[in-house]
Structure formats: structure tokens, C-alpha cells
Amino acid sequence: MAGAAINLTNHFLIAMPGMGDGTFAGTVIYLCEHTEKGALGLVINKPIDIKLKNLFEKVELTLDREDLAEEPVYFGGPVQTERGFVLHERLGGEAADGGTYNSSLQIPGGLEMTTSKDVLEALANGAGPKKVLVTLGYSGWSAGQLEDEISRNGWINVGAEPGIIFDTPVEQRYDKALSLLGIDPRMLSQEAGHAGPAGGGGPPGAGGGGPEHGGAGHAFRSPQLSRLRFRASPRRRGQRQLGHPPGHAHEDGRGRG
């Protein structure tokens, strides 16, 4: 009898010490969507050397919120690193099946991921969500790829806690995510992987060549900000337009870039 499919939407993926892909070593990924067609997530603990105020300047906006202006932009994953992704708390007032902004994905558990410029415009105008995390790029898996990586002990998973994304210092997010499972990071070794419900060894066809693990909070070299794109064309509110949907490998055929 085939096992039931797992759905890790609104979970953290925590890279195990044996992760064979330097791009993802030491990462915590928030999974925005996981279906039989694939998965899509954002790395939440790898800042790059761009501040939010600088990103806003590149799209001809001014960010005056002092609580956000000096916050870093994050490396969300190796796919479409010229595109911006905004993970934020959900605002009220919209239908259950519609996003707050023109190109938003509502995530079970209370968060949204938006790729349209209107969320930045709202923030620049002093409105918009109070808690945000902005990434360049995302992490994607084709059908069955994430499950395969989990079975080979490169990832461990746990239900996500928004406080770790928005309220925890970046250098503590990896340890805090592990603590949700009652795991002390000092107990882990490169032979570990079965300390919780998942794991996943060095994935085949992984991006490689990415930033080496430099400890939580290590600032990576930024992508080419001159190519930065947010979706600007008006669309029906709540319409899902997020680039490569789950199940679509990146252009070279590798689900994670």
C-alpha cells in the first residue's frame, strides 16, 4: 500500500550537517507551497549585502520605516535571483481564496508570499504589513525531488513558527528552528539526519557553486541588483503569478537552480 503523500507547506526545512550542497549548507527554508507537483520555499537565514532601503531605491521607491530600512535582503534560493519575493504576515479584508496584493500566494498558517511591486509601494507609503522578509530568488523542487532529498537525510522538517522568521536574530534562526524539535545543534554530526521526521542528503543535481556556509548571519555577495524585477503589471487580485510554479524545474532542468 503506497504511503500517503506528505504536505510540508508552512514548515521549516532545516539543512542537516551532511548537506552536500554548499548553497544550502546551514540554511533554514520556509516552505510556501508543497504539492504533488513540487515545492517552493525561501531561505530565511542567509542575508546578502543589500539593505532594504537600497532595494527600494532600485525600484524608485523610498522606504522611510526605520524598523525596516536597515534590514537586510536575503538569499531566497538559486532560482530567479533577479526577482524579489516578499514573505509577510497576512492582512485582513480579503476573500479566503484571494491574496492581499496583485500577485500573492496565501499560505495556510497565516502568511503570504508576494512578488508584485504593490506590496513595496504600500510599505513605502507607510501602510502594508508590519512584518516582512524580502528575498532575491527562491528555492524550488520538481515533483518528488524534495521527498527524495528528505529520504536521504539532508533535511529535517518541523512546523514553522513565524516568530523565528520575523522576530529572531538571523544568527539564532537555525538553532531556534532545531529547538522546535527539542534538538541541540551540538548533538548533530555529519552522520545525523534521523533526529526528526525528515532529513535529506546532498541532493543530486543541486545548484552547487553557491555561497559556502559561513555561519548563520554570514552576508553573501549580492546578485546583480541592476536586474532586479518585481511584477509591476496590474492583475486580478489574488491571481497566482509567481514565476516557475512547483513542478517546473529551472531552465537547466534542476529544480533548485
C-alpha atoms as a PDB file:
ATOM      1  CA  MET A   1       0.000   0.000   0.000  1.00  0.00           C
ATOM      2  CA  ALA A   2       1.505   3.320  -1.012  1.00  0.00           C
ATOM      3  CA  GLY A   3       2.194   5.780   1.764  1.00  0.00           C
ATOM      4  CA  ALA A   4       0.179   8.952   1.962  1.00  0.00           C
ATOM      5  CA  ALA A   5       1.754  11.977   0.317  1.00  0.00           C
ATOM      6  CA  ILE A   6       3.276  14.435   2.736  1.00  0.00           C
ATOM      7  CA  ASN A   7       2.483  18.126   2.621  1.00  0.00           C
ATOM      8  CA  LEU A   8       5.148  20.322   4.190  1.00  0.00           C
ATOM      9  CA  THR A   9       3.568  23.671   3.319  1.00  0.00           C
ATOM     10  CA  ASN A  10       4.152  26.100   6.230  1.00  0.00           C
ATOM     11  CA  HIS A  11       7.064  24.001   7.510  1.00  0.00           C
ATOM     12  CA  PHE A  12      10.714  24.760   8.028  1.00  0.00           C
ATOM     13  CA  LEU A  13      13.287  22.675   6.189  1.00  0.00           C
ATOM     14  CA  ILE A  14      16.485  22.621   8.228  1.00  0.00           C
ATOM     15  CA  ALA A  15      19.660  21.565   6.433  1.00  0.00           C
ATOM     16  CA  MET A  16      21.484  18.740   8.176  1.00  0.00           C
ATOM     17  CA  PRO A  17      25.273  18.862   8.679  1.00  0.00           C
ATOM     18  CA  GLY A  18      25.783  16.295   5.915  1.00  0.00           C
ATOM     19  CA  MET A  19      24.167  18.529   3.285  1.00  0.00           C
ATOM     20  CA  GLY A  20      26.335  18.070   0.223  1.00  0.00           C
ATOM     21  CA  ASP A  21      25.336  21.312  -1.490  1.00  0.00           C
ATOM     22  CA  GLY A  22      27.230  24.374  -0.285  1.00  0.00           C
ATOM     23  CA  THR A  23      24.415  26.634  -1.451  1.00  0.00           C
ATOM     24  CA  PHE A  24      22.115  25.190   1.190  1.00  0.00           C
ATOM     25  CA  ALA A  25      24.535  24.294   3.989  1.00  0.00           C
ATOM     26  CA  GLY A  26      23.352  25.757   7.276  1.00  0.00           C
ATOM     27  CA  THR A  27      20.062  27.008   5.861  1.00  0.00           C
ATOM     28  CA  VAL A  28      16.535  27.163   7.177  1.00  0.00           C
ATOM     29  CA  ILE A  29      13.951  27.276   4.375  1.00  0.00           C
ATOM     30  CA  TYR A  30      10.335  28.282   4.839  1.00  0.00           C
ATOM     31  CA  LEU A  31       8.161  26.194   2.508  1.00  0.00           C
ATOM     32  CA  CYS A  32       5.479  28.366   0.913  1.00  0.00           C
ATOM     33  CA  GLU A  33       3.959  25.560  -1.128  1.00  0.00           C
ATOM     34  CA  HIS A  34       4.334  21.792  -1.367  1.00  0.00           C
ATOM     35  CA  THR A  35       2.128  19.693  -3.622  1.00  0.00           C
ATOM     36  CA  GLU A  36       2.434  16.547  -5.725  1.00  0.00           C
ATOM     37  CA  LYS A  37       3.830  18.813  -8.463  1.00  0.00           C
ATOM     38  CA  GLY A  38       6.757  20.078  -6.417  1.00  0.00           C
ATOM     39  CA  ALA A  39       7.691  22.611  -3.762  1.00  0.00           C
ATOM     40  CA  LEU A  40       8.668  26.248  -3.429  1.00  0.00           C
ATOM     41  CA  GLY A  41      10.378  27.907  -0.467  1.00  0.00           C
ATOM     42  CA  LEU A  42      12.520  30.808   0.713  1.00  0.00           C
ATOM     43  CA  VAL A  43      15.755  30.679   2.709  1.00  0.00           C
ATOM     44  CA  ILE A  44      15.215  32.800   5.844  1.00  0.00           C
ATOM     45  CA  ASN A  45      18.678  32.922   7.427  1.00  0.00           C
ATOM     46  CA  LYS A  46      21.144  33.958   4.716  1.00  0.00           C
ATOM     47  CA  PRO A  47      21.344  37.758   4.416  1.00  0.00           C
ATOM     48  CA  ILE A  48      23.100  39.348   1.475  1.00  0.00           C
ATOM     49  CA  ASP A  49      24.921  42.662   1.385  1.00  0.00           C
ATOM     50  CA  ILE A  50      21.895  44.742   0.345  1.00  0.00           C
ATOM     51  CA  LYS A  51      19.732  46.747   2.725  1.00  0.00           C
ATOM     52  CA  LEU A  52      16.003  47.102   2.161  1.00  0.00           C
ATOM     53  CA  LYS A  53      16.339  50.858   1.677  1.00  0.00           C
ATOM     54  CA  ASN A  54      18.765  50.197  -1.204  1.00  0.00           C
ATOM     55  CA  LEU A  55      16.423  47.683  -2.806  1.00  0.00           C
ATOM     56  CA  PHE A  56      13.585  50.212  -2.635  1.00  0.00           C
ATOM     57  CA  GLU A  57      15.804  52.822  -4.299  1.00  0.00           C
ATOM     58  CA  LYS A  58      16.425  50.425  -7.175  1.00  0.00           C
ATOM     59  CA  VAL A  59      12.705  50.247  -7.876  1.00  0.00           C
ATOM     60  CA  GLU A  60      12.344  54.030  -7.493  1.00  0.00           C
ATOM     61  CA  LEU A  61      10.674  53.982  -4.088  1.00  0.00           C
ATOM     62  CA  THR A  62      11.664  55.434  -0.730  1.00  0.00           C
ATOM     63  CA  LEU A  63      11.407  53.364   2.427  1.00  0.00           C
ATOM     64  CA  ASP A  64      11.059  55.640   5.446  1.00  0.00           C
ATOM     65  CA  ARG A  65      10.186  52.987   8.011  1.00  0.00           C
ATOM     66  CA  GLU A  66      13.089  52.997  10.446  1.00  0.00           C
ATOM     67  CA  ASP A  67      12.296  49.474  11.605  1.00  0.00           C
ATOM     68  CA  LEU A  68      12.829  48.139   8.074  1.00  0.00           C
ATOM     69  CA  ALA A  69      15.216  50.457   6.236  1.00  0.00           C
ATOM     70  CA  GLU A  70      18.410  48.892   7.582  1.00  0.00           C
ATOM     71  CA  GLU A  71      17.147  45.311   7.481  1.00  0.00           C
ATOM     72  CA  PRO A  72      18.970  43.051   5.016  1.00  0.00           C
ATOM     73  CA  VAL A  73      17.612  41.444   1.903  1.00  0.00           C
ATOM     74  CA  TYR A  74      18.021  37.641   1.951  1.00  0.00           C
ATOM     75  CA  PHE A  75      19.225  34.977  -0.453  1.00  0.00           C
ATOM     76  CA  GLY A  76      15.971  33.091  -1.004  1.00  0.00           C
ATOM     77  CA  GLY A  77      17.444  30.397  -3.235  1.00  0.00           C
ATOM     78  CA  PRO A  78      19.295  29.961  -6.516  1.00  0.00           C
ATOM     79  CA  VAL A  79      16.290  30.168  -8.843  1.00  0.00           C
ATOM     80  CA  GLN A  80      15.462  33.540 -10.472  1.00  0.00           C
ATOM     81  CA  THR A  81      17.820  35.554  -8.280  1.00  0.00           C
ATOM     82  CA  GLU A  82      16.949  38.712 -10.200  1.00  0.00           C
ATOM     83  CA  ARG A  83      13.377  38.547  -8.852  1.00  0.00           C
ATOM     84  CA  GLY A  84      12.137  39.756  -5.497  1.00  0.00           C
ATOM     85  CA  PHE A  85       9.924  37.763  -3.150  1.00  0.00           C
ATOM     86  CA  VAL A  86       8.248  39.250  -0.085  1.00  0.00           C
ATOM     87  CA  LEU A  87       7.184  36.955   2.757  1.00  0.00           C
ATOM     88  CA  HIS A  88       4.845  38.785   5.098  1.00  0.00           C
ATOM     89  CA  GLU A  89       2.015  38.496   7.546  1.00  0.00           C
ATOM     90  CA  ARG A  90      -1.446  38.293   6.031  1.00  0.00           C
ATOM     91  CA  LEU A  91      -3.591  41.400   6.104  1.00  0.00           C
ATOM     92  CA  GLY A  92      -7.337  41.123   6.719  1.00  0.00           C
ATOM     93  CA  GLY A  93     -10.182  42.113   4.464  1.00  0.00           C
ATOM     94  CA  GLU A  94      -9.663  39.755   1.507  1.00  0.00           C
ATOM     95  CA  ALA A  95     -11.580  36.712   0.417  1.00  0.00           C
ATOM     96  CA  ALA A  96     -10.225  33.396   1.600  1.00  0.00           C
ATOM     97  CA  ASP A  97      -9.034  32.454  -1.876  1.00  0.00           C
ATOM     98  CA  GLY A  98      -7.527  35.815  -2.785  1.00  0.00           C
ATOM     99  CA  GLY A  99      -4.215  37.403  -1.858  1.00  0.00           C
ATOM    100  CA  THR A 100      -3.814  40.847  -0.385  1.00  0.00           C
ATOM    101  CA  TYR A 101      -1.778  42.128  -3.341  1.00  0.00           C
ATOM    102  CA  ASN A 102      -1.873  41.650  -7.108  1.00  0.00           C
ATOM    103  CA  SER A 103       0.411  38.632  -7.145  1.00  0.00           C
ATOM    104  CA  SER A 104       0.202  36.909  -3.784  1.00  0.00           C
ATOM    105  CA  LEU A 105       0.147  33.329  -2.611  1.00  0.00           C
ATOM    106  CA  GLN A 106      -1.779  32.765   0.606  1.00  0.00           C
ATOM    107  CA  ILE A 107      -0.063  30.148   2.720  1.00  0.00           C
ATOM    108  CA  PRO A 108      -2.009  28.004   5.190  1.00  0.00           C
ATOM    109  CA  GLY A 109      -0.891  29.153   8.610  1.00  0.00           C
ATOM    110  CA  GLY A 110      -1.358  32.877   8.141  1.00  0.00           C
ATOM    111  CA  LEU A 111       1.461  34.181   5.923  1.00  0.00           C
ATOM    112  CA  GLU A 112       1.573  35.346   2.306  1.00  0.00           C
ATOM    113  CA  MET A 113       4.287  35.473  -0.339  1.00  0.00           C
ATOM    114  CA  THR A 114       4.036  38.368  -2.783  1.00  0.00           C
ATOM    115  CA  THR A 115       6.015  39.061  -5.952  1.00  0.00           C
ATOM    116  CA  SER A 116       4.241  42.197  -7.171  1.00  0.00           C
ATOM    117  CA  LYS A 117       5.570  45.698  -6.637  1.00  0.00           C
ATOM    118  CA  ASP A 118       2.390  46.902  -4.937  1.00  0.00           C
ATOM    119  CA  VAL A 119       3.484  45.439  -1.598  1.00  0.00           C
ATOM    120  CA  LEU A 120       6.624  47.606  -1.761  1.00  0.00           C
ATOM    121  CA  GLU A 121       4.528  50.619  -2.718  1.00  0.00           C
ATOM    122  CA  ALA A 122       2.319  50.025   0.312  1.00  0.00           C
ATOM    123  CA  LEU A 123       5.355  49.810   2.583  1.00  0.00           C
ATOM    124  CA  ALA A 124       6.805  52.978   1.057  1.00  0.00           C
ATOM    125  CA  ASN A 125       3.518  54.757   1.797  1.00  0.00           C
ATOM    126  CA  GLY A 126       3.616  53.749   5.444  1.00  0.00           C
ATOM    127  CA  ALA A 127       0.996  51.041   5.035  1.00  0.00           C
ATOM    128  CA  GLY A 128       1.359  47.366   4.221  1.00  0.00           C
ATOM    129  CA  PRO A 129       2.345  44.507   6.500  1.00  0.00           C
ATOM    130  CA  LYS A 130       4.262  45.221   9.681  1.00  0.00           C
ATOM    131  CA  LYS A 131       6.451  42.131   9.467  1.00  0.00           C
ATOM    132  CA  VAL A 132       8.229  41.303   6.224  1.00  0.00           C
ATOM    133  CA  LEU A 133      11.202  39.335   4.932  1.00  0.00           C
ATOM    134  CA  VAL A 134      12.406  40.118   1.412  1.00  0.00           C
ATOM    135  CA  THR A 135      14.493  37.725  -0.654  1.00  0.00           C
ATOM    136  CA  LEU A 136      16.087  37.657  -4.060  1.00  0.00           C
ATOM    137  CA  GLY A 137      15.496  34.272  -5.652  1.00  0.00           C
ATOM    138  CA  TYR A 138      13.689  31.222  -4.368  1.00  0.00           C
ATOM    139  CA  SER A 139      14.281  27.512  -3.814  1.00  0.00           C
ATOM    140  CA  GLY A 140      12.269  25.111  -5.961  1.00  0.00           C
ATOM    141  CA  TRP A 141      11.886  21.356  -6.285  1.00  0.00           C
ATOM    142  CA  SER A 142      10.262  19.376  -9.082  1.00  0.00           C
ATOM    143  CA  ALA A 143       7.796  16.562  -8.413  1.00  0.00           C
ATOM    144  CA  GLY A 144       9.222  14.055  -5.957  1.00  0.00           C
ATOM    145  CA  GLN A 145      12.600  15.786  -5.678  1.00  0.00           C
ATOM    146  CA  LEU A 146      12.169  17.149  -2.158  1.00  0.00           C
ATOM    147  CA  GLU A 147      10.806  13.833  -0.917  1.00  0.00           C
ATOM    148  CA  ASP A 148      13.876  12.117  -2.342  1.00  0.00           C
ATOM    149  CA  GLU A 149      16.234  14.557  -0.630  1.00  0.00           C
ATOM    150  CA  ILE A 150      14.376  14.101   2.663  1.00  0.00           C
ATOM    151  CA  SER A 151      14.683  10.319   2.389  1.00  0.00           C
ATOM    152  CA  ARG A 152      18.453  10.674   2.030  1.00  0.00           C
ATOM    153  CA  ASN A 153      18.910  12.693   5.213  1.00  0.00           C
ATOM    154  CA  GLY A 154      19.840  16.168   4.018  1.00  0.00           C
ATOM    155  CA  TRP A 155      16.817  17.890   5.568  1.00  0.00           C
ATOM    156  CA  ILE A 156      14.871  17.719   8.794  1.00  0.00           C
ATOM    157  CA  ASN A 157      11.462  19.384   8.953  1.00  0.00           C
ATOM    158  CA  VAL A 158       9.230  20.943  11.575  1.00  0.00           C
ATOM    159  CA  GLY A 159       6.096  23.080  11.565  1.00  0.00           C
ATOM    160  CA  ALA A 160       7.049  26.721  11.044  1.00  0.00           C
ATOM    161  CA  GLU A 161       6.950  29.379  13.740  1.00  0.00           C
ATOM    162  CA  PRO A 162       6.574  32.925  12.336  1.00  0.00           C
ATOM    163  CA  GLY A 163       8.414  34.385  15.305  1.00  0.00           C
ATOM    164  CA  ILE A 164      11.591  32.689  14.095  1.00  0.00           C
ATOM    165  CA  ILE A 165      11.216  34.330  10.675  1.00  0.00           C
ATOM    166  CA  PHE A 166      10.414  37.856  11.806  1.00  0.00           C
ATOM    167  CA  ASP A 167      11.457  38.300  15.438  1.00  0.00           C
ATOM    168  CA  THR A 168      14.566  36.147  15.935  1.00  0.00           C
ATOM    169  CA  PRO A 169      18.067  37.484  15.185  1.00  0.00           C
ATOM    170  CA  VAL A 170      19.315  35.902  11.993  1.00  0.00           C
ATOM    171  CA  GLU A 171      22.284  34.202  13.654  1.00  0.00           C
ATOM    172  CA  GLN A 172      19.892  32.368  16.001  1.00  0.00           C
ATOM    173  CA  ARG A 173      17.320  31.140  13.466  1.00  0.00           C
ATOM    174  CA  TYR A 174      18.984  27.820  12.670  1.00  0.00           C
ATOM    175  CA  ASP A 175      19.316  26.869  16.345  1.00  0.00           C
ATOM    176  CA  LYS A 176      15.824  28.135  17.158  1.00  0.00           C
ATOM    177  CA  ALA A 177      14.310  26.081  14.352  1.00  0.00           C
ATOM    178  CA  LEU A 178      16.063  22.977  15.660  1.00  0.00           C
ATOM    179  CA  SER A 179      14.849  23.759  19.171  1.00  0.00           C
ATOM    180  CA  LEU A 180      11.264  23.322  17.938  1.00  0.00           C
ATOM    181  CA  LEU A 181      12.179  19.634  17.683  1.00  0.00           C
ATOM    182  CA  GLY A 182      13.991  19.640  21.018  1.00  0.00           C
ATOM    183  CA  ILE A 183      17.338  19.212  19.257  1.00  0.00           C
ATOM    184  CA  ASP A 184      20.579  20.724  20.499  1.00  0.00           C
ATOM    185  CA  PRO A 185      22.731  21.581  17.438  1.00  0.00           C
ATOM    186  CA  ARG A 186      25.789  20.277  19.267  1.00  0.00           C
ATOM    187  CA  MET A 187      24.229  16.815  19.145  1.00  0.00           C
ATOM    188  CA  LEU A 188      24.231  16.801  15.363  1.00  0.00           C
ATOM    189  CA  SER A 189      27.038  15.391  13.286  1.00  0.00           C
ATOM    190  CA  GLN A 190      27.536  14.804   9.602  1.00  0.00           C
ATOM    191  CA  GLU A 191      26.205  11.313  10.144  1.00  0.00           C
ATOM    192  CA  ALA A 192      22.942  12.650  11.560  1.00  0.00           C
ATOM    193  CA  GLY A 193      19.696  13.027   9.703  1.00  0.00           C
ATOM    194  CA  HIS A 194      17.088  10.983  11.509  1.00  0.00           C
ATOM    195  CA  ALA A 195      16.709  13.184  14.542  1.00  0.00           C
ATOM    196  CA  GLY A 196      13.186  14.110  13.455  1.00  0.00           C
ATOM    197  CA  PRO A 197      10.546  13.456  10.824  1.00  0.00           C
ATOM    198  CA  ALA A 198      12.812  14.211   7.895  1.00  0.00           C
ATOM    199  CA  GLY A 199      16.319  14.659   6.590  1.00  0.00           C
ATOM    200  CA  GLY A 200      17.871  14.604   3.078  1.00  0.00           C
ATOM    201  CA  GLY A 201      21.419  14.033   1.934  1.00  0.00           C
ATOM    202  CA  GLY A 202      23.420  16.045  -0.512  1.00  0.00           C
ATOM    203  CA  PRO A 203      20.884  16.376  -3.304  1.00  0.00           C
ATOM    204  CA  PRO A 204      21.652  15.260  -6.825  1.00  0.00           C
ATOM    205  CA  GLY A 205      21.698  17.995  -9.399  1.00  0.00           C
ATOM    206  CA  ALA A 206      21.904  20.661  -6.702  1.00  0.00           C
ATOM    207  CA  GLY A 207      22.928  24.157  -7.643  1.00  0.00           C
ATOM    208  CA  GLY A 208      26.436  23.886  -6.250  1.00  0.00           C
ATOM    209  CA  GLY A 209      28.861  26.713  -6.664  1.00  0.00           C
ATOM    210  CA  GLY A 210      26.774  28.802  -4.316  1.00  0.00           C
ATOM    211  CA  PRO A 211      27.946  30.564  -1.182  1.00  0.00           C
ATOM    212  CA  GLU A 212      29.754  28.305   1.242  1.00  0.00           C
ATOM    213  CA  HIS A 213      28.324  28.084   4.732  1.00  0.00           C
ATOM    214  CA  GLY A 214      29.867  30.859   6.745  1.00  0.00           C
ATOM    215  CA  GLY A 215      27.769  30.506   9.861  1.00  0.00           C
ATOM    216  CA  ALA A 216      24.332  31.953  10.438  1.00  0.00           C
ATOM    217  CA  GLY A 217      24.177  35.613   9.564  1.00  0.00           C
ATOM    218  CA  HIS A 218      27.053  35.483   7.086  1.00  0.00           C
ATOM    219  CA  ALA A 219      26.470  38.125   4.419  1.00  0.00           C
ATOM    220  CA  PHE A 220      26.695  36.709   0.927  1.00  0.00           C
ATOM    221  CA  ARG A 221      27.701  38.612  -2.161  1.00  0.00           C
ATOM    222  CA  SER A 222      24.569  40.088  -3.671  1.00  0.00           C
ATOM    223  CA  PRO A 223      23.106  39.134  -7.067  1.00  0.00           C
ATOM    224  CA  GLN A 224      23.105  41.771  -9.785  1.00  0.00           C
ATOM    225  CA  LEU A 225      20.723  44.336  -8.354  1.00  0.00           C
ATOM    226  CA  SER A 226      20.592  46.117 -11.694  1.00  0.00           C
ATOM    227  CA  ARG A 227      18.467  43.207 -12.969  1.00  0.00           C
ATOM    228  CA  LEU A 228      16.035  43.327 -10.048  1.00  0.00           C
ATOM    229  CA  ARG A 229      12.407  42.674 -11.021  1.00  0.00           C
ATOM    230  CA  PHE A 230       9.095  42.834  -9.200  1.00  0.00           C
ATOM    231  CA  ARG A 231       5.891  42.155 -11.075  1.00  0.00           C
ATOM    232  CA  ALA A 232       4.505  45.582 -11.976  1.00  0.00           C
ATOM    233  CA  SER A 233       1.626  44.919 -14.410  1.00  0.00           C
ATOM    234  CA  PRO A 234      -1.815  45.068 -12.787  1.00  0.00           C
ATOM    235  CA  ARG A 235      -3.518  41.705 -12.385  1.00  0.00           C
ATOM    236  CA  ARG A 236      -6.686  40.454 -10.826  1.00  0.00           C
ATOM    237  CA  ARG A 237      -6.263  40.481  -7.070  1.00  0.00           C
ATOM    238  CA  GLY A 238      -5.212  37.096  -5.757  1.00  0.00           C
ATOM    239  CA  GLN A 239      -4.152  35.744  -9.154  1.00  0.00           C
ATOM    240  CA  ARG A 240      -1.198  33.415  -8.722  1.00  0.00           C
ATOM    241  CA  GLN A 241       1.721  34.607 -10.839  1.00  0.00           C
ATOM    242  CA  LEU A 242       4.901  33.542  -9.109  1.00  0.00           C
ATOM    243  CA  GLY A 243       7.321  32.564 -11.843  1.00  0.00           C
ATOM    244  CA  HIS A 244       8.165  28.855 -12.062  1.00  0.00           C
ATOM    245  CA  PRO A 245       5.306  27.106 -10.249  1.00  0.00           C
ATOM    246  CA  PRO A 246       6.002  23.973  -8.228  1.00  0.00           C
ATOM    247  CA  GLY A 247       6.723  21.129 -10.573  1.00  0.00           C
ATOM    248  CA  HIS A 248       8.590  23.261 -13.097  1.00  0.00           C
ATOM    249  CA  ALA A 249      12.313  22.738 -12.996  1.00  0.00           C
ATOM    250  CA  HIS A 250      14.589  25.662 -13.608  1.00  0.00           C
ATOM    251  CA  GLU A 251      15.743  26.216 -17.144  1.00  0.00           C
ATOM    252  CA  ASP A 252      18.626  23.757 -16.804  1.00  0.00           C
ATOM    253  CA  GLY A 253      16.269  21.050 -15.560  1.00  0.00           C
ATOM    254  CA  ARG A 254      17.321  21.249 -11.939  1.00  0.00           C
ATOM    255  CA  GLY A 255      14.504  22.045  -9.569  1.00  0.00           C
ATOM    256  CA  ARG A 256      16.644  24.207  -7.310  1.00  0.00           C
ATOM    257  CA  GLY A 257      18.538  26.248  -9.833  1.00  0.00           C
END
